């Protein structure tokens, strides 16, 4: 079992959660059960999948949860495009989130590759 609290990708995902919660506070109130809730849940899903994967017995299972986290990254990215298109986010806000999502995705890919490589040895 791995300690998710020691993983840099989990820290980055937590920071992203905070950023998402801050920017979605300014979304229209009629979106509270729509886009606001959806993007928040998808963001939380990233860090949750990383943590849950750490509790799995095999590297294969861990990697599967990391791939789930990757899927949630793409989900958040799509939702941020929608929020930007609807005028809920400025270009600066969306660019910051896209930057963080890209950074997290790259580091998550590296972690997956590392685990795969270690598993082969």
C-alpha atoms as a PDB file:
ATOM      1  CA  UNK A   1       0.000   0.000   0.000  1.00  0.00           C
ATOM      2  CA  UNK A   2       1.193   3.501  -0.843  1.00  0.00           C
ATOM      3  CA  UNK A   3       0.751   6.714   1.119  1.00  0.00           C
ATOM      4  CA  UNK A   4      -1.143   9.077  -1.182  1.00  0.00           C
ATOM      5  CA  UNK A   5      -0.232  12.039   1.026  1.00  0.00           C
ATOM      6  CA  UNK A   6       3.380  11.651  -0.118  1.00  0.00           C
ATOM      7  CA  UNK A   7       2.533  11.882  -3.816  1.00  0.00           C
ATOM      8  CA  UNK A   8       3.176  15.163  -5.604  1.00  0.00           C
ATOM      9  CA  UNK A   9       0.282  14.473  -7.997  1.00  0.00           C
ATOM     10  CA  UNK A  10      -2.125  14.283  -5.065  1.00  0.00           C
ATOM     11  CA  UNK A  11      -0.840  17.623  -3.741  1.00  0.00           C
ATOM     12  CA  UNK A  12      -1.305  19.236  -7.143  1.00  0.00           C
ATOM     13  CA  UNK A  13      -4.813  17.759  -7.399  1.00  0.00           C
ATOM     14  CA  UNK A  14      -5.677  19.199  -3.967  1.00  0.00           C
ATOM     15  CA  UNK A  15      -4.463  22.628  -5.031  1.00  0.00           C
ATOM     16  CA  UNK A  16      -6.586  22.324  -8.163  1.00  0.00           C
ATOM     17  CA  UNK A  17      -9.615  21.474  -5.992  1.00  0.00           C
ATOM     18  CA  UNK A  18      -9.123  24.702  -4.074  1.00  0.00           C
ATOM     19  CA  UNK A  19      -8.799  26.726  -7.264  1.00  0.00           C
ATOM     20  CA  UNK A  20     -11.939  25.147  -8.735  1.00  0.00           C
ATOM     21  CA  UNK A  21     -13.960  25.861  -5.588  1.00  0.00           C
ATOM     22  CA  UNK A  22     -12.797  29.480  -5.548  1.00  0.00           C
ATOM     23  CA  UNK A  23     -13.608  30.216  -9.188  1.00  0.00           C
ATOM     24  CA  UNK A  24     -16.960  28.404  -9.129  1.00  0.00           C
ATOM     25  CA  UNK A  25     -18.148  30.607  -6.236  1.00  0.00           C
ATOM     26  CA  UNK A  26     -18.693  33.270  -8.884  1.00  0.00           C
ATOM     27  CA  UNK A  27     -20.783  31.062 -11.170  1.00  0.00           C
ATOM     28  CA  UNK A  28     -24.481  32.027 -11.393  1.00  0.00           C
ATOM     29  CA  UNK A  29     -26.620  30.716  -8.557  1.00  0.00           C
ATOM     30  CA  UNK A  30     -28.843  28.853 -11.024  1.00  0.00           C
ATOM     31  CA  UNK A  31     -25.803  26.693 -11.889  1.00  0.00           C
ATOM     32  CA  UNK A  32     -25.363  25.414  -8.305  1.00  0.00           C
ATOM     33  CA  UNK A  33     -26.907  22.034  -9.210  1.00  0.00           C
ATOM     34  CA  UNK A  34     -25.560  22.102 -12.745  1.00  0.00           C
ATOM     35  CA  UNK A  35     -22.141  23.121 -13.951  1.00  0.00           C
ATOM     36  CA  UNK A  36     -20.891  24.288 -10.545  1.00  0.00           C
ATOM     37  CA  UNK A  37     -21.634  20.938  -8.927  1.00  0.00           C
ATOM     38  CA  UNK A  38     -20.388  18.963 -11.931  1.00  0.00           C
ATOM     39  CA  UNK A  39     -16.982  20.657 -12.214  1.00  0.00           C
ATOM     40  CA  UNK A  40     -16.455  20.479  -8.454  1.00  0.00           C
ATOM     41  CA  UNK A  41     -17.268  16.763  -8.340  1.00  0.00           C
ATOM     42  CA  UNK A  42     -15.025  16.025 -11.316  1.00  0.00           C
ATOM     43  CA  UNK A  43     -12.169  17.952  -9.710  1.00  0.00           C
ATOM     44  CA  UNK A  44     -12.562  16.137  -6.397  1.00  0.00           C
ATOM     45  CA  UNK A  45     -12.670  12.874  -8.329  1.00  0.00           C
ATOM     46  CA  UNK A  46      -9.095  13.452  -9.503  1.00  0.00           C
ATOM     47  CA  UNK A  47      -7.582  13.541  -6.012  1.00  0.00           C
ATOM     48  CA  UNK A  48      -9.988  10.860  -4.763  1.00  0.00           C
ATOM     49  CA  UNK A  49      -8.992   8.401  -7.491  1.00  0.00           C
ATOM     50  CA  UNK A  50      -5.314   8.968  -6.762  1.00  0.00           C
ATOM     51  CA  UNK A  51      -5.925   8.307  -3.058  1.00  0.00           C
ATOM     52  CA  UNK A  52      -8.135   5.288  -3.667  1.00  0.00           C
ATOM     53  CA  UNK A  53      -5.610   3.786  -6.073  1.00  0.00           C
ATOM     54  CA  UNK A  54      -2.952   3.981  -3.365  1.00  0.00           C
ATOM     55  CA  UNK A  55      -5.053   1.650  -1.254  1.00  0.00           C
ATOM     56  CA  UNK A  56      -5.126  -1.074  -3.880  1.00  0.00           C
ATOM     57  CA  UNK A  57      -2.919  -4.132  -3.639  1.00  0.00           C
ATOM     58  CA  UNK A  58      -1.481  -4.357  -7.125  1.00  0.00           C
ATOM     59  CA  UNK A  59       0.281  -1.890  -9.383  1.00  0.00           C
ATOM     60  CA  UNK A  60      -2.197  -2.774 -12.126  1.00  0.00           C
ATOM     61  CA  UNK A  61      -5.110  -1.710  -9.908  1.00  0.00           C
ATOM     62  CA  UNK A  62      -3.281   1.453  -8.854  1.00  0.00           C
ATOM     63  CA  UNK A  63      -2.655   2.371 -12.491  1.00  0.00           C
ATOM     64  CA  UNK A  64      -6.337   1.832 -13.298  1.00  0.00           C
ATOM     65  CA  UNK A  65      -7.297   4.428 -10.688  1.00  0.00           C
ATOM     66  CA  UNK A  66      -4.652   6.800 -12.033  1.00  0.00           C
ATOM     67  CA  UNK A  67      -6.245   6.400 -15.471  1.00  0.00           C
ATOM     68  CA  UNK A  68      -9.612   7.214 -13.887  1.00  0.00           C
ATOM     69  CA  UNK A  69      -8.028  10.376 -12.471  1.00  0.00           C
ATOM     70  CA  UNK A  70      -6.805  11.182 -15.990  1.00  0.00           C
ATOM     71  CA  UNK A  71     -10.358  10.838 -17.271  1.00  0.00           C
ATOM     72  CA  UNK A  72     -11.537  13.261 -14.600  1.00  0.00           C
ATOM     73  CA  UNK A  73      -8.855  15.745 -15.684  1.00  0.00           C
ATOM     74  CA  UNK A  74     -10.341  15.692 -19.194  1.00  0.00           C
ATOM     75  CA  UNK A  75     -13.838  16.053 -17.745  1.00  0.00           C
ATOM     76  CA  UNK A  76     -12.802  19.170 -15.804  1.00  0.00           C
ATOM     77  CA  UNK A  77     -11.070  20.547 -18.885  1.00  0.00           C
ATOM     78  CA  UNK A  78     -14.250  20.156 -20.954  1.00  0.00           C
ATOM     79  CA  UNK A  79     -16.370  21.778 -18.233  1.00  0.00           C
ATOM     80  CA  UNK A  80     -13.985  24.729 -17.967  1.00  0.00           C
ATOM     81  CA  UNK A  81     -14.333  25.279 -21.727  1.00  0.00           C
ATOM     82  CA  UNK A  82     -18.110  25.326 -21.267  1.00  0.00           C
ATOM     83  CA  UNK A  83     -17.853  27.766 -18.337  1.00  0.00           C
ATOM     84  CA  UNK A  84     -15.595  30.029 -20.421  1.00  0.00           C
ATOM     85  CA  UNK A  85     -17.949  29.826 -23.423  1.00  0.00           C
ATOM     86  CA  UNK A  86     -20.863  30.826 -21.185  1.00  0.00           C
ATOM     87  CA  UNK A  87     -18.925  33.815 -19.865  1.00  0.00           C
ATOM     88  CA  UNK A  88     -18.583  32.472 -16.329  1.00  0.00           C
ATOM     89  CA  UNK A  89     -14.770  32.615 -16.480  1.00  0.00           C
ATOM     90  CA  UNK A  90     -12.307  35.107 -17.834  1.00  0.00           C
ATOM     91  CA  UNK A  91      -9.550  33.999 -20.194  1.00  0.00           C
ATOM     92  CA  UNK A  92      -7.060  34.493 -17.361  1.00  0.00           C
ATOM     93  CA  UNK A  93      -9.009  32.237 -15.004  1.00  0.00           C
ATOM     94  CA  UNK A  94      -9.528  29.501 -17.554  1.00  0.00           C
ATOM     95  CA  UNK A  95      -5.907  29.691 -18.740  1.00  0.00           C
ATOM     96  CA  UNK A  96      -4.706  29.226 -15.144  1.00  0.00           C
ATOM     97  CA  UNK A  97      -6.889  26.146 -14.722  1.00  0.00           C
ATOM     98  CA  UNK A  98      -5.841  24.716 -18.102  1.00  0.00           C
ATOM     99  CA  UNK A  99      -2.201  25.215 -17.074  1.00  0.00           C
ATOM    100  CA  UNK A 100      -2.740  23.335 -13.814  1.00  0.00           C
ATOM    101  CA  UNK A 101      -4.662  20.545 -15.536  1.00  0.00           C
ATOM    102  CA  UNK A 102      -1.876  20.150 -18.095  1.00  0.00           C
ATOM    103  CA  UNK A 103       0.796  20.064 -15.389  1.00  0.00           C
ATOM    104  CA  UNK A 104      -1.157  17.491 -13.398  1.00  0.00           C
ATOM    105  CA  UNK A 105      -1.807  15.352 -16.463  1.00  0.00           C
ATOM    106  CA  UNK A 106       1.879  15.312 -17.416  1.00  0.00           C
ATOM    107  CA  UNK A 107       2.955  14.340 -13.896  1.00  0.00           C
ATOM    108  CA  UNK A 108       0.256  11.687 -13.688  1.00  0.00           C
ATOM    109  CA  UNK A 109       1.480  10.203 -16.982  1.00  0.00           C
ATOM    110  CA  UNK A 110       5.029  10.121 -15.624  1.00  0.00           C
ATOM    111  CA  UNK A 111       3.834   8.345 -12.480  1.00  0.00           C
ATOM    112  CA  UNK A 112       1.951   5.768 -14.552  1.00  0.00           C
ATOM    113  CA  UNK A 113       5.030   5.166 -16.699  1.00  0.00           C
ATOM    114  CA  UNK A 114       7.211   4.861 -13.596  1.00  0.00           C
ATOM    115  CA  UNK A 115       4.904   2.290 -11.995  1.00  0.00           C
ATOM    116  CA  UNK A 116       4.695   0.369 -15.274  1.00  0.00           C
ATOM    117  CA  UNK A 117       8.495   0.338 -15.571  1.00  0.00           C
ATOM    118  CA  UNK A 118       8.990  -0.757 -11.967  1.00  0.00           C
ATOM    119  CA  UNK A 119       6.411  -3.505 -12.419  1.00  0.00           C
ATOM    120  CA  UNK A 120       8.308  -4.917 -15.417  1.00  0.00           C
ATOM    121  CA  UNK A 121      11.582  -5.226 -13.481  1.00  0.00           C
END
